[in-house]
Amino acid sequence: LGFDEITPVIEYAGEWVTDGHDNPGITLPSEEARPSRNTLLFKLDLMPTDKLTITLGGAQNFSTDDHSHSIGLEYKPNYDLTFRAYWAWFDGKTDSPFGRWDRNDHIAFGVKRVF
């Protein structure tokens, strides 16, 4: 494929309740407050050379039908210097975990110099 290294990560974040609570002191269960209870997470690092890393990532919430994705680049021309660029975007209904971030898509740039 022409890459020095390819590192894929895929994870499913799920939750199954095997037995409901029976404590009369609990007035409101915490299920709705816990995000990502039915979510696929992924990350893929592509390293065409030892100086360049391309990262693709994202999360898809199946219960709320919203998602986030990201693309990142890291270039290390030598040991002392690293350039980074990152783009993340969000989509979904306004009351969903990623949908409420829909207007917060962003791009970031960075430089790291080691002395």
PDB file of N, CA and C in Angstrom:
ATOM      1  N   LEU A   1       0.807  -1.211   0.000  1.00  0.00           N
ATOM      2  CA  LEU A   1       0.000   0.000   0.000  1.00  0.00           C
ATOM      3  C   LEU A   1       0.845   1.269   0.000  1.00  0.00           C
ATOM      4  N   GLY A   2       2.116   1.140   0.234  1.00  0.00           N
ATOM      5  CA  GLY A   2       2.983   2.309   0.195  1.00  0.00           C
ATOM      6  C   GLY A   2       3.050   3.092   1.497  1.00  0.00           C
ATOM      7  N   PHE A   3       2.585   2.531   2.600  1.00  0.00           N
ATOM      8  CA  PHE A   3       2.631   3.214   3.890  1.00  0.00           C
ATOM      9  C   PHE A   3       3.665   2.538   4.782  1.00  0.00           C
ATOM     10  N   ASP A   4       4.336   3.352   5.619  1.00  0.00           N
ATOM     11  CA  ASP A   4       5.230   2.786   6.624  1.00  0.00           C
ATOM     12  C   ASP A   4       4.426   2.071   7.708  1.00  0.00           C
ATOM     13  N   GLU A   5       3.249   2.647   8.039  1.00  0.00           N
ATOM     14  CA  GLU A   5       2.428   2.067   9.105  1.00  0.00           C
ATOM     15  C   GLU A   5       0.981   2.503   8.943  1.00  0.00           C
ATOM     16  N   ILE A   6       0.058   1.607   9.267  1.00  0.00           N
ATOM     17  CA  ILE A   6      -1.375   1.898   9.300  1.00  0.00           C
ATOM     18  C   ILE A   6      -1.885   1.367  10.639  1.00  0.00           C
ATOM     19  N   THR A   7      -2.516   2.242  11.417  1.00  0.00           N
ATOM     20  CA  THR A   7      -3.016   1.838  12.725  1.00  0.00           C
ATOM     21  C   THR A   7      -4.514   2.115  12.808  1.00  0.00           C
ATOM     22  N   PRO A   8      -5.351   1.088  12.664  1.00  0.00           N
ATOM     23  CA  PRO A   8      -6.803   1.288  12.803  1.00  0.00           C
ATOM     24  C   PRO A   8      -7.275   0.969  14.226  1.00  0.00           C
ATOM     25  N   VAL A   9      -8.252   1.723  14.688  1.00  0.00           N
ATOM     26  CA  VAL A   9      -8.907   1.448  15.964  1.00  0.00           C
ATOM     27  C   VAL A   9     -10.411   1.618  15.741  1.00  0.00           C
ATOM     28  N   ILE A  10     -11.172   0.599  16.073  1.00  0.00           N
ATOM     29  CA  ILE A  10     -12.631   0.669  16.000  1.00  0.00           C
ATOM     30  C   ILE A  10     -13.159   0.153  17.338  1.00  0.00           C
ATOM     31  N   GLU A  11     -14.084   0.906  17.918  1.00  0.00           N
ATOM     32  CA  GLU A  11     -14.616   0.532  19.225  1.00  0.00           C
ATOM     33  C   GLU A  11     -16.113   0.801  19.240  1.00  0.00           C
ATOM     34  N   TYR A  12     -16.839  -0.104  19.828  1.00  0.00           N
ATOM     35  CA  TYR A  12     -18.267   0.113  20.034  1.00  0.00           C
ATOM     36  C   TYR A  12     -18.490   0.381  21.516  1.00  0.00           C
ATOM     37  N   ALA A  13     -19.100   1.503  21.818  1.00  0.00           N
ATOM     38  CA  ALA A  13     -19.425   1.845  23.203  1.00  0.00           C
ATOM     39  C   ALA A  13     -20.908   1.572  23.393  1.00  0.00           C
ATOM     40  N   GLY A  14     -21.199   0.475  24.022  1.00  0.00           N
ATOM     41  CA  GLY A  14     -22.589   0.090  24.230  1.00  0.00           C
ATOM     42  C   GLY A  14     -22.869  -0.176  25.688  1.00  0.00           C
ATOM     43  N   GLU A  15     -24.128  -0.237  25.995  1.00  0.00           N
ATOM     44  CA  GLU A  15     -24.527  -0.485  27.370  1.00  0.00           C
ATOM     45  C   GLU A  15     -25.791  -1.326  27.366  1.00  0.00           C
ATOM     46  N   TRP A  16     -25.770  -2.376  28.146  1.00  0.00           N
ATOM     47  CA  TRP A  16     -26.964  -3.207  28.305  1.00  0.00           C
ATOM     48  C   TRP A  16     -27.296  -3.260  29.790  1.00  0.00           C
ATOM     49  N   VAL A  17     -28.530  -2.994  30.118  1.00  0.00           N
ATOM     50  CA  VAL A  17     -28.979  -3.074  31.500  1.00  0.00           C
ATOM     51  C   VAL A  17     -29.483  -4.491  31.720  1.00  0.00           C
ATOM     52  N   THR A  18     -28.822  -5.208  32.611  1.00  0.00           N
ATOM     53  CA  THR A  18     -29.208  -6.598  32.860  1.00  0.00           C
ATOM     54  C   THR A  18     -30.255  -6.716  33.956  1.00  0.00           C
ATOM     55  N   ASP A  19     -30.331  -5.689  34.823  1.00  0.00           N
ATOM     56  CA  ASP A  19     -31.314  -5.720  35.894  1.00  0.00           C
ATOM     57  C   ASP A  19     -31.582  -4.276  36.310  1.00  0.00           C
ATOM     58  N   GLY A  20     -32.822  -3.892  36.342  1.00  0.00           N
ATOM     59  CA  GLY A  20     -33.171  -2.525  36.728  1.00  0.00           C
ATOM     60  C   GLY A  20     -32.894  -2.271  38.194  1.00  0.00           C
ATOM     61  N   HIS A  21     -32.852  -1.020  38.585  1.00  0.00           N
ATOM     62  CA  HIS A  21     -32.593  -0.689  39.986  1.00  0.00           C
ATOM     63  C   HIS A  21     -33.882  -0.887  40.794  1.00  0.00           C
ATOM     64  N   ASP A  22     -33.705  -1.211  42.054  1.00  0.00           N
ATOM     65  CA  ASP A  22     -34.876  -1.388  42.913  1.00  0.00           C
ATOM     66  C   ASP A  22     -34.736  -0.587  44.207  1.00  0.00           C
ATOM     67  N   ASN A  23     -33.906   0.434  44.180  1.00  0.00           N
ATOM     68  CA  ASN A  23     -33.706   1.296  45.334  1.00  0.00           C
ATOM     69  C   ASN A  23     -34.778   2.383  45.322  1.00  0.00           C
ATOM     70  N   PRO A  24     -35.648   2.430  46.319  1.00  0.00           N
ATOM     71  CA  PRO A  24     -36.708   3.449  46.326  1.00  0.00           C
ATOM     72  C   PRO A  24     -36.155   4.868  46.499  1.00  0.00           C
ATOM     73  N   GLY A  25     -34.893   4.999  46.921  1.00  0.00           N
ATOM     74  CA  GLY A  25     -34.295   6.318  47.087  1.00  0.00           C
ATOM     75  C   GLY A  25     -33.867   6.954  45.772  1.00  0.00           C
ATOM     76  N   ILE A  26     -33.838   6.184  44.678  1.00  0.00           N
ATOM     77  CA  ILE A  26     -33.453   6.728  43.375  1.00  0.00           C
ATOM     78  C   ILE A  26     -34.701   7.303  42.715  1.00  0.00           C
ATOM     79  N   THR A  27     -34.698   8.605  42.517  1.00  0.00           N
ATOM     80  CA  THR A  27     -35.874   9.250  41.924  1.00  0.00           C
ATOM     81  C   THR A  27     -35.744   9.407  40.418  1.00  0.00           C
ATOM     82  N   LEU A  28     -34.514   9.488  39.919  1.00  0.00           N
ATOM     83  CA  LEU A  28     -34.293   9.675  38.486  1.00  0.00           C
ATOM     84  C   LEU A  28     -33.096   8.836  38.054  1.00  0.00           C
ATOM     85  N   PRO A  29     -33.278   7.882  37.142  1.00  0.00           N
ATOM     86  CA  PRO A  29     -32.139   7.064  36.712  1.00  0.00           C
ATOM     87  C   PRO A  29     -31.132   7.896  35.911  1.00  0.00           C
ATOM     88  N   SER A  30     -29.906   7.422  35.858  1.00  0.00           N
ATOM     89  CA  SER A  30     -28.835   8.190  35.216  1.00  0.00           C
ATOM     90  C   SER A  30     -28.640   7.840  33.740  1.00  0.00           C
ATOM     91  N   GLU A  31     -29.447   6.949  33.182  1.00  0.00           N
ATOM     92  CA  GLU A  31     -29.234   6.520  31.795  1.00  0.00           C
ATOM     93  C   GLU A  31     -29.203   7.680  30.804  1.00  0.00           C
ATOM     94  N   GLU A  32     -30.133   8.611  30.946  1.00  0.00           N
ATOM     95  CA  GLU A  32     -30.209   9.714  29.982  1.00  0.00           C
ATOM     96  C   GLU A  32     -29.034  10.677  30.115  1.00  0.00           C
ATOM     97  N   ALA A  33     -28.408  10.725  31.260  1.00  0.00           N
ATOM     98  CA  ALA A  33     -27.280  11.646  31.463  1.00  0.00           C
ATOM     99  C   ALA A  33     -25.970  11.076  30.942  1.00  0.00           C
ATOM    100  N   ARG A  34     -25.930   9.776  30.667  1.00  0.00           N
ATOM    101  CA  ARG A  34     -24.687   9.162  30.194  1.00  0.00           C
ATOM    102  C   ARG A  34     -24.650   9.197  28.668  1.00  0.00           C
ATOM    103  N   PRO A  35     -23.691   9.919  28.086  1.00  0.00           N
ATOM    104  CA  PRO A  35     -23.607   9.989  26.620  1.00  0.00           C
ATOM    105  C   PRO A  35     -22.950   8.739  26.028  1.00  0.00           C
ATOM    106  N   SER A  36     -23.115   8.574  24.753  1.00  0.00           N
ATOM    107  CA  SER A  36     -22.418   7.538  23.974  1.00  0.00           C
ATOM    108  C   SER A  36     -22.705   6.123  24.470  1.00  0.00           C
ATOM    109  N   ARG A  37     -23.972   5.827  24.703  1.00  0.00           N
ATOM    110  CA  ARG A  37     -24.333   4.487  25.166  1.00  0.00           C
ATOM    111  C   ARG A  37     -24.605   3.531  24.013  1.00  0.00           C
ATOM    112  N   ASN A  38     -24.571   4.035  22.788  1.00  0.00           N
ATOM    113  CA  ASN A  38     -24.771   3.204  21.593  1.00  0.00           C
ATOM    114  C   ASN A  38     -23.992   3.867  20.452  1.00  0.00           C
ATOM    115  N   THR A  39     -22.677   3.835  20.546  1.00  0.00           N
ATOM    116  CA  THR A  39     -21.829   4.654  19.682  1.00  0.00           C
ATOM    117  C   THR A  39     -20.679   3.846  19.084  1.00  0.00           C
ATOM    118  N   LEU A  40     -20.404   4.110  17.818  1.00  0.00           N
ATOM    119  CA  LEU A  40     -19.240   3.540  17.155  1.00  0.00           C
ATOM    120  C   LEU A  40     -18.164   4.620  17.089  1.00  0.00           C
ATOM    121  N   LEU A  41     -16.977   4.303  17.594  1.00  0.00           N
ATOM    122  CA  LEU A  41     -15.843   5.224  17.582  1.00  0.00           C
ATOM    123  C   LEU A  41     -14.771   4.640  16.683  1.00  0.00           C
ATOM    124  N   PHE A  42     -14.104   5.498  15.913  1.00  0.00           N
ATOM    125  CA  PHE A  42     -13.035   4.983  15.059  1.00  0.00           C
ATOM    126  C   PHE A  42     -11.910   5.997  14.937  1.00  0.00           C
ATOM    127  N   LYS A  43     -10.734   5.464  14.685  1.00  0.00           N
ATOM    128  CA  LYS A  43      -9.557   6.289  14.423  1.00  0.00           C
ATOM    129  C   LYS A  43      -8.639   5.498  13.505  1.00  0.00           C
ATOM    130  N   LEU A  44      -8.091   6.175  12.541  1.00  0.00           N
ATOM    131  CA  LEU A  44      -7.175   5.543  11.593  1.00  0.00           C
ATOM    132  C   LEU A  44      -5.972   6.448  11.410  1.00  0.00           C
ATOM    133  N   ASP A  45      -4.800   5.940  11.777  1.00  0.00           N
ATOM    134  CA  ASP A  45      -3.542   6.656  11.550  1.00  0.00           C
ATOM    135  C   ASP A  45      -2.870   6.063  10.319  1.00  0.00           C
ATOM    136  N   LEU A  46      -2.590   6.905   9.348  1.00  0.00           N
ATOM    137  CA  LEU A  46      -1.881   6.508   8.132  1.00  0.00           C
ATOM    138  C   LEU A  46      -0.531   7.204   8.144  1.00  0.00           C
ATOM    139  N   MET A  47       0.536   6.432   8.040  1.00  0.00           N
ATOM    140  CA  MET A  47       1.881   6.998   8.066  1.00  0.00           C
ATOM    141  C   MET A  47       2.606   6.633   6.777  1.00  0.00           C
ATOM    142  N   PRO A  48       2.502   7.506   5.771  1.00  0.00           N
ATOM    143  CA  PRO A  48       3.185   7.204   4.512  1.00  0.00           C
ATOM    144  C   PRO A  48       4.704   7.237   4.656  1.00  0.00           C
ATOM    145  N   THR A  49       5.208   8.058   5.582  1.00  0.00           N
ATOM    146  CA  THR A  49       6.652   8.118   5.878  1.00  0.00           C
ATOM    147  C   THR A  49       6.809   8.290   7.384  1.00  0.00           C
ATOM    148  N   ASP A  50       8.025   8.253   7.860  1.00  0.00           N
ATOM    149  CA  ASP A  50       8.249   8.476   9.284  1.00  0.00           C
ATOM    150  C   ASP A  50       8.110   9.946   9.660  1.00  0.00           C
ATOM    151  N   LYS A  51       7.942  10.821   8.671  1.00  0.00           N
ATOM    152  CA  LYS A  51       7.803  12.251   8.931  1.00  0.00           C
ATOM    153  C   LYS A  51       6.364  12.741   8.866  1.00  0.00           C
ATOM    154  N   LEU A  52       5.462  11.971   8.266  1.00  0.00           N
ATOM    155  CA  LEU A  52       4.088  12.419   8.043  1.00  0.00           C
ATOM    156  C   LEU A  52       3.096  11.406   8.607  1.00  0.00           C
ATOM    157  N   THR A  53       2.121  11.911   9.387  1.00  0.00           N
ATOM    158  CA  THR A  53       1.024  11.089   9.898  1.00  0.00           C
ATOM    159  C   THR A  53      -0.292  11.760   9.551  1.00  0.00           C
ATOM    160  N   ILE A  54      -1.199  11.019   8.963  1.00  0.00           N
ATOM    161  CA  ILE A  54      -2.542  11.484   8.645  1.00  0.00           C
ATOM    162  C   ILE A  54      -3.491  10.717   9.559  1.00  0.00           C
ATOM    163  N   THR A  55      -4.325  11.438  10.292  1.00  0.00           N
ATOM    164  CA  THR A  55      -5.255  10.801  11.225  1.00  0.00           C
ATOM    165  C   THR A  55      -6.683  11.121  10.830  1.00  0.00           C
ATOM    166  N   LEU A  56      -7.506  10.081  10.696  1.00  0.00           N
ATOM    167  CA  LEU A  56      -8.935  10.209  10.440  1.00  0.00           C
ATOM    168  C   LEU A  56      -9.658   9.638  11.650  1.00  0.00           C
ATOM    169  N   GLY A  57     -10.698  10.299  12.109  1.00  0.00           N
ATOM    170  CA  GLY A  57     -11.402   9.795  13.286  1.00  0.00           C
ATOM    171  C   GLY A  57     -12.845  10.236  13.292  1.00  0.00           C
ATOM    172  N   GLY A  58     -13.610   9.627  14.173  1.00  0.00           N
ATOM    173  CA  GLY A  58     -14.994  10.020  14.284  1.00  0.00           C
ATOM    174  C   GLY A  58     -15.757   9.194  15.291  1.00  0.00           C
ATOM    175  N   ALA A  59     -16.996   9.615  15.491  1.00  0.00           N
ATOM    176  CA  ALA A  59     -17.925   8.922  16.382  1.00  0.00           C
ATOM    177  C   ALA A  59     -19.314   9.039  15.781  1.00  0.00           C
ATOM    178  N   GLN A  60     -20.051   7.942  15.792  1.00  0.00           N
ATOM    179  CA  GLN A  60     -21.428   7.911  15.300  1.00  0.00           C
ATOM    180  C   GLN A  60     -22.319   7.414  16.428  1.00  0.00           C
ATOM    181  N   ASN A  61     -23.199   8.291  16.919  1.00  0.00           N
ATOM    182  CA  ASN A  61     -24.182   7.897  17.927  1.00  0.00           C
ATOM    183  C   ASN A  61     -25.397   7.325  17.202  1.00  0.00           C
ATOM    184  N   PHE A  62     -25.680   6.056  17.406  1.00  0.00           N
ATOM    185  CA  PHE A  62     -26.808   5.425  16.729  1.00  0.00           C
ATOM    186  C   PHE A  62     -28.141   5.793  17.376  1.00  0.00           C
ATOM    187  N   SER A  63     -28.168   5.948  18.689  1.00  0.00           N
ATOM    188  CA  SER A  63     -29.420   6.257  19.386  1.00  0.00           C
ATOM    189  C   SER A  63     -29.929   7.650  19.065  1.00  0.00           C
ATOM    190  N   THR A  64     -29.024   8.603  18.921  1.00  0.00           N
ATOM    191  CA  THR A  64     -29.415   9.996  18.681  1.00  0.00           C
ATOM    192  C   THR A  64     -29.172  10.446  17.245  1.00  0.00           C
ATOM    193  N   ASP A  65     -28.617   9.575  16.412  1.00  0.00           N
ATOM    194  CA  ASP A  65     -28.359   9.848  14.997  1.00  0.00           C
ATOM    195  C   ASP A  65     -27.563  11.139  14.794  1.00  0.00           C
ATOM    196  N   ASP A  66     -26.477  11.282  15.531  1.00  0.00           N
ATOM    197  CA  ASP A  66     -25.578  12.416  15.355  1.00  0.00           C
ATOM    198  C   ASP A  66     -24.157  11.891  15.263  1.00  0.00           C
ATOM    199  N   HIS A  67     -23.245  12.753  14.800  1.00  0.00           N
ATOM    200  CA  HIS A  67     -21.882  12.281  14.600  1.00  0.00           C
ATOM    201  C   HIS A  67     -20.875  13.417  14.638  1.00  0.00           C
ATOM    202  N   SER A  68     -19.614  13.017  14.775  1.00  0.00           N
ATOM    203  CA  SER A  68     -18.478  13.929  14.725  1.00  0.00           C
ATOM    204  C   SER A  68     -17.389  13.247  13.912  1.00  0.00           C
ATOM    205  N   HIS A  69     -16.642  14.036  13.162  1.00  0.00           N
ATOM    206  CA  HIS A  69     -15.533  13.503  12.377  1.00  0.00           C
ATOM    207  C   HIS A  69     -14.355  14.451  12.482  1.00  0.00           C
ATOM    208  N   SER A  70     -13.166  13.927  12.238  1.00  0.00           N
ATOM    209  CA  SER A  70     -11.977  14.771  12.298  1.00  0.00           C
ATOM    210  C   SER A  70     -10.911  14.256  11.336  1.00  0.00           C
ATOM    211  N   ILE A  71     -10.080  15.190  10.905  1.00  0.00           N
ATOM    212  CA  ILE A  71      -8.926  14.897  10.062  1.00  0.00           C
ATOM    213  C   ILE A  71      -7.743  15.665  10.651  1.00  0.00           C
ATOM    214  N   GLY A  72      -6.630  14.987  10.792  1.00  0.00           N
ATOM    215  CA  GLY A  72      -5.443  15.642  11.319  1.00  0.00           C
ATOM    216  C   GLY A  72      -4.212  15.297  10.502  1.00  0.00           C
ATOM    217  N   LEU A  73      -3.296  16.226  10.438  1.00  0.00           N
ATOM    218  CA  LEU A  73      -2.006  16.024   9.774  1.00  0.00           C
ATOM    219  C   LEU A  73      -0.906  16.406  10.748  1.00  0.00           C
ATOM    220  N   GLU A  74       0.138  15.599  10.770  1.00  0.00           N
ATOM    221  CA  GLU A  74       1.311  15.931  11.573  1.00  0.00           C
ATOM    222  C   GLU A  74       2.544  15.695  10.708  1.00  0.00           C
ATOM    223  N   TYR A  75       3.363  16.717  10.616  1.00  0.00           N
ATOM    224  CA  TYR A  75       4.584  16.631   9.816  1.00  0.00           C
ATOM    225  C   TYR A  75       5.776  16.935  10.713  1.00  0.00           C
ATOM    226  N   LYS A  76       6.732  16.000  10.766  1.00  0.00           N
ATOM    227  CA  LYS A  76       7.939  16.151  11.573  1.00  0.00           C
ATOM    228  C   LYS A  76       9.150  16.120  10.639  1.00  0.00           C
ATOM    229  N   PRO A  77       9.597  17.300  10.183  1.00  0.00           N
ATOM    230  CA  PRO A  77      10.752  17.301   9.288  1.00  0.00           C
ATOM    231  C   PRO A  77      12.030  16.825   9.975  1.00  0.00           C
ATOM    232  N   ASN A  78      12.088  16.992  11.320  1.00  0.00           N
ATOM    233  CA  ASN A  78      13.216  16.475  12.098  1.00  0.00           C
ATOM    234  C   ASN A  78      12.749  16.288  13.538  1.00  0.00           C
ATOM    235  N   TYR A  79      13.648  15.808  14.388  1.00  0.00           N
ATOM    236  CA  TYR A  79      13.287  15.513  15.774  1.00  0.00           C
ATOM    237  C   TYR A  79      12.832  16.755  16.540  1.00  0.00           C
ATOM    238  N   ASP A  80      13.380  17.917  16.219  1.00  0.00           N
ATOM    239  CA  ASP A  80      13.136  19.139  16.986  1.00  0.00           C
ATOM    240  C   ASP A  80      11.881  19.909  16.592  1.00  0.00           C
ATOM    241  N   LEU A  81      11.276  19.599  15.463  1.00  0.00           N
ATOM    242  CA  LEU A  81      10.201  20.438  14.936  1.00  0.00           C
ATOM    243  C   LEU A  81       9.012  19.590  14.481  1.00  0.00           C
ATOM    244  N   THR A  82       7.798  20.006  14.878  1.00  0.00           N
ATOM    245  CA  THR A  82       6.571  19.316  14.476  1.00  0.00           C
ATOM    246  C   THR A  82       5.525  20.355  14.077  1.00  0.00           C
ATOM    247  N   PHE A  83       4.897  20.156  12.934  1.00  0.00           N
ATOM    248  CA  PHE A  83       3.784  20.978  12.481  1.00  0.00           C
ATOM    249  C   PHE A  83       2.517  20.126  12.552  1.00  0.00           C
ATOM    250  N   ARG A  84       1.414  20.730  13.026  1.00  0.00           N
ATOM    251  CA  ARG A  84       0.150  20.001  13.129  1.00  0.00           C
ATOM    252  C   ARG A  84      -0.988  20.847  12.576  1.00  0.00           C
ATOM    253  N   ALA A  85      -1.942  20.162  11.947  1.00  0.00           N
ATOM    254  CA  ALA A  85      -3.189  20.783  11.498  1.00  0.00           C
ATOM    255  C   ALA A  85      -4.311  19.793  11.805  1.00  0.00           C
ATOM    256  N   TYR A  86      -5.464  20.328  12.216  1.00  0.00           N
ATOM    257  CA  TYR A  86      -6.558  19.483  12.670  1.00  0.00           C
ATOM    258  C   TYR A  86      -7.881  20.143  12.307  1.00  0.00           C
ATOM    259  N   TRP A  87      -8.833  19.356  11.811  1.00  0.00           N
ATOM    260  CA  TRP A  87     -10.163  19.852  11.478  1.00  0.00           C
ATOM    261  C   TRP A  87     -11.179  18.902  12.073  1.00  0.00           C
ATOM    262  N   ALA A  88     -12.152  19.442  12.800  1.00  0.00           N
ATOM    263  CA  ALA A  88     -13.226  18.627  13.378  1.00  0.00           C
ATOM    264  C   ALA A  88     -14.565  19.268  13.050  1.00  0.00           C
ATOM    265  N   TRP A  89     -15.545  18.429  12.740  1.00  0.00           N
ATOM    266  CA  TRP A  89     -16.882  18.942  12.466  1.00  0.00           C
ATOM    267  C   TRP A  89     -17.921  18.018  13.089  1.00  0.00           C
ATOM    268  N   PHE A  90     -19.082  18.607  13.371  1.00  0.00           N
ATOM    269  CA  PHE A  90     -20.138  17.943  14.110  1.00  0.00           C
ATOM    270  C   PHE A  90     -21.451  18.100  13.357  1.00  0.00           C
ATOM    271  N   ASP A  91     -22.359  17.120  13.533  1.00  0.00           N
ATOM    272  CA  ASP A  91     -23.660  17.208  12.869  1.00  0.00           C
ATOM    273  C   ASP A  91     -24.680  16.381  13.648  1.00  0.00           C
ATOM    274  N   GLY A  92     -25.906  16.848  13.645  1.00  0.00           N
ATOM    275  CA  GLY A  92     -27.001  16.140  14.305  1.00  0.00           C
ATOM    276  C   GLY A  92     -28.082  17.120  14.712  1.00  0.00           C
ATOM    277  N   LYS A  93     -29.151  16.593  15.304  1.00  0.00           N
ATOM    278  CA  LYS A  93     -30.236  17.448  15.802  1.00  0.00           C
ATOM    279  C   LYS A  93     -29.709  18.312  16.941  1.00  0.00           C
ATOM    280  N   THR A  94     -30.305  19.474  17.116  1.00  0.00           N
ATOM    281  CA  THR A  94     -29.796  20.430  18.100  1.00  0.00           C
ATOM    282  C   THR A  94     -29.848  19.918  19.531  1.00  0.00           C
ATOM    283  N   ASP A  95     -30.692  18.928  19.823  1.00  0.00           N
ATOM    284  CA  ASP A  95     -30.759  18.407  21.194  1.00  0.00           C
ATOM    285  C   ASP A  95     -29.939  17.127  21.383  1.00  0.00           C
ATOM    286  N   SER A  96     -29.088  16.791  20.402  1.00  0.00           N
ATOM    287  CA  SER A  96     -28.244  15.597  20.503  1.00  0.00           C
ATOM    288  C   SER A  96     -26.832  15.989  20.955  1.00  0.00           C
ATOM    289  N   PRO A  97     -26.054  15.028  21.494  1.00  0.00           N
ATOM    290  CA  PRO A  97     -24.718  15.372  21.998  1.00  0.00           C
ATOM    291  C   PRO A  97     -23.814  16.070  20.971  1.00  0.00           C
ATOM    292  N   PHE A  98     -23.718  15.557  19.751  1.00  0.00           N
ATOM    293  CA  PHE A  98     -22.873  16.215  18.750  1.00  0.00           C
ATOM    294  C   PHE A  98     -23.617  17.301  17.994  1.00  0.00           C
ATOM    295  N   GLY A  99     -24.927  17.178  17.882  1.00  0.00           N
ATOM    296  CA  GLY A  99     -25.713  18.192  17.184  1.00  0.00           C
ATOM    297  C   GLY A  99     -25.641  19.555  17.845  1.00  0.00           C
ATOM    298  N   ARG A 100     -25.585  19.582  19.176  1.00  0.00           N
ATOM    299  CA  ARG A 100     -25.496  20.872  19.863  1.00  0.00           C
ATOM    300  C   ARG A 100     -24.155  21.553  19.612  1.00  0.00           C
ATOM    301  N   TRP A 101     -23.180  20.798  19.086  1.00  0.00           N
ATOM    302  CA  TRP A 101     -21.877  21.360  18.731  1.00  0.00           C
ATOM    303  C   TRP A 101     -21.786  21.723  17.246  1.00  0.00           C
ATOM    304  N   ASP A 102     -22.895  21.616  16.529  1.00  0.00           N
ATOM    305  CA  ASP A 102     -22.886  21.793  15.072  1.00  0.00           C
ATOM    306  C   ASP A 102     -22.247  23.108  14.633  1.00  0.00           C
ATOM    307  N   ARG A 103     -22.406  24.156  15.398  1.00  0.00           N
ATOM    308  CA  ARG A 103     -21.835  25.453  15.021  1.00  0.00           C
ATOM    309  C   ARG A 103     -20.414  25.635  15.569  1.00  0.00           C
ATOM    310  N   ASN A 104     -19.846  24.569  16.120  1.00  0.00           N
ATOM    311  CA  ASN A 104     -18.497  24.645  16.691  1.00  0.00           C
ATOM    312  C   ASN A 104     -17.469  23.871  15.879  1.00  0.00           C
ATOM    313  N   ASP A 105     -17.722  23.656  14.592  1.00  0.00           N
ATOM    314  CA  ASP A 105     -16.706  23.046  13.745  1.00  0.00           C
ATOM    315  C   ASP A 105     -15.454  23.919  13.843  1.00  0.00           C
ATOM    316  N   HIS A 106     -14.291  23.301  13.820  1.00  0.00           N
ATOM    317  CA  HIS A 106     -13.092  24.121  13.989  1.00  0.00           C
ATOM    318  C   HIS A 106     -11.880  23.526  13.281  1.00  0.00           C
ATOM    319  N   ILE A 107     -10.949  24.411  13.028  1.00  0.00           N
ATOM    320  CA  ILE A 107      -9.655  24.071  12.446  1.00  0.00           C
ATOM    321  C   ILE A 107      -8.592  24.617  13.396  1.00  0.00           C
ATOM    322  N   ALA A 108      -7.574  23.821  13.662  1.00  0.00           N
ATOM    323  CA  ALA A 108      -6.498  24.250  14.546  1.00  0.00           C
ATOM    324  C   ALA A 108      -5.150  23.971  13.878  1.00  0.00           C
ATOM    325  N   PHE A 109      -4.200  24.847  14.133  1.00  0.00           N
ATOM    326  CA  PHE A 109      -2.845  24.696  13.628  1.00  0.00           C
ATOM    327  C   PHE A 109      -1.879  24.801  14.801  1.00  0.00           C
ATOM    328  N   GLY A 110      -0.789  24.066  14.735  1.00  0.00           N
ATOM    329  CA  GLY A 110       0.178  24.135  15.825  1.00  0.00           C
ATOM    330  C   GLY A 110       1.597  23.881  15.339  1.00  0.00           C
ATOM    331  N   VAL A 111       2.528  24.431  16.079  1.00  0.00           N
ATOM    332  CA  VAL A 111       3.958  24.211  15.831  1.00  0.00           C
ATOM    333  C   VAL A 111       4.595  23.864  17.173  1.00  0.00           C
ATOM    334  N   LYS A 112       5.395  22.816  17.171  1.00  0.00           N
ATOM    335  CA  LYS A 112       6.101  22.419  18.384  1.00  0.00           C
ATOM    336  C   LYS A 112       7.590  22.413  18.090  1.00  0.00           C
ATOM    337  N   ARG A 113       8.340  23.118  18.916  1.00  0.00           N
ATOM    338  CA  ARG A 113       9.789  23.190  18.779  1.00  0.00           C
ATOM    339  C   ARG A 113      10.412  22.691  20.070  1.00  0.00           C
ATOM    340  N   VAL A 114      11.266  21.688  19.986  1.00  0.00           N
ATOM    341  CA  VAL A 114      11.940  21.146  21.153  1.00  0.00           C
ATOM    342  C   VAL A 114      13.347  21.707  21.199  1.00  0.00           C
ATOM    343  N   PHE A 115      13.740  22.230  22.356  1.00  0.00           N
ATOM    344  CA  PHE A 115      15.069  22.814  22.517  1.00  0.00           C
ATOM    345  C   PHE A 115      15.966  21.904  23.315  1.00  0.00           C
TER     346      PHE A 115
END
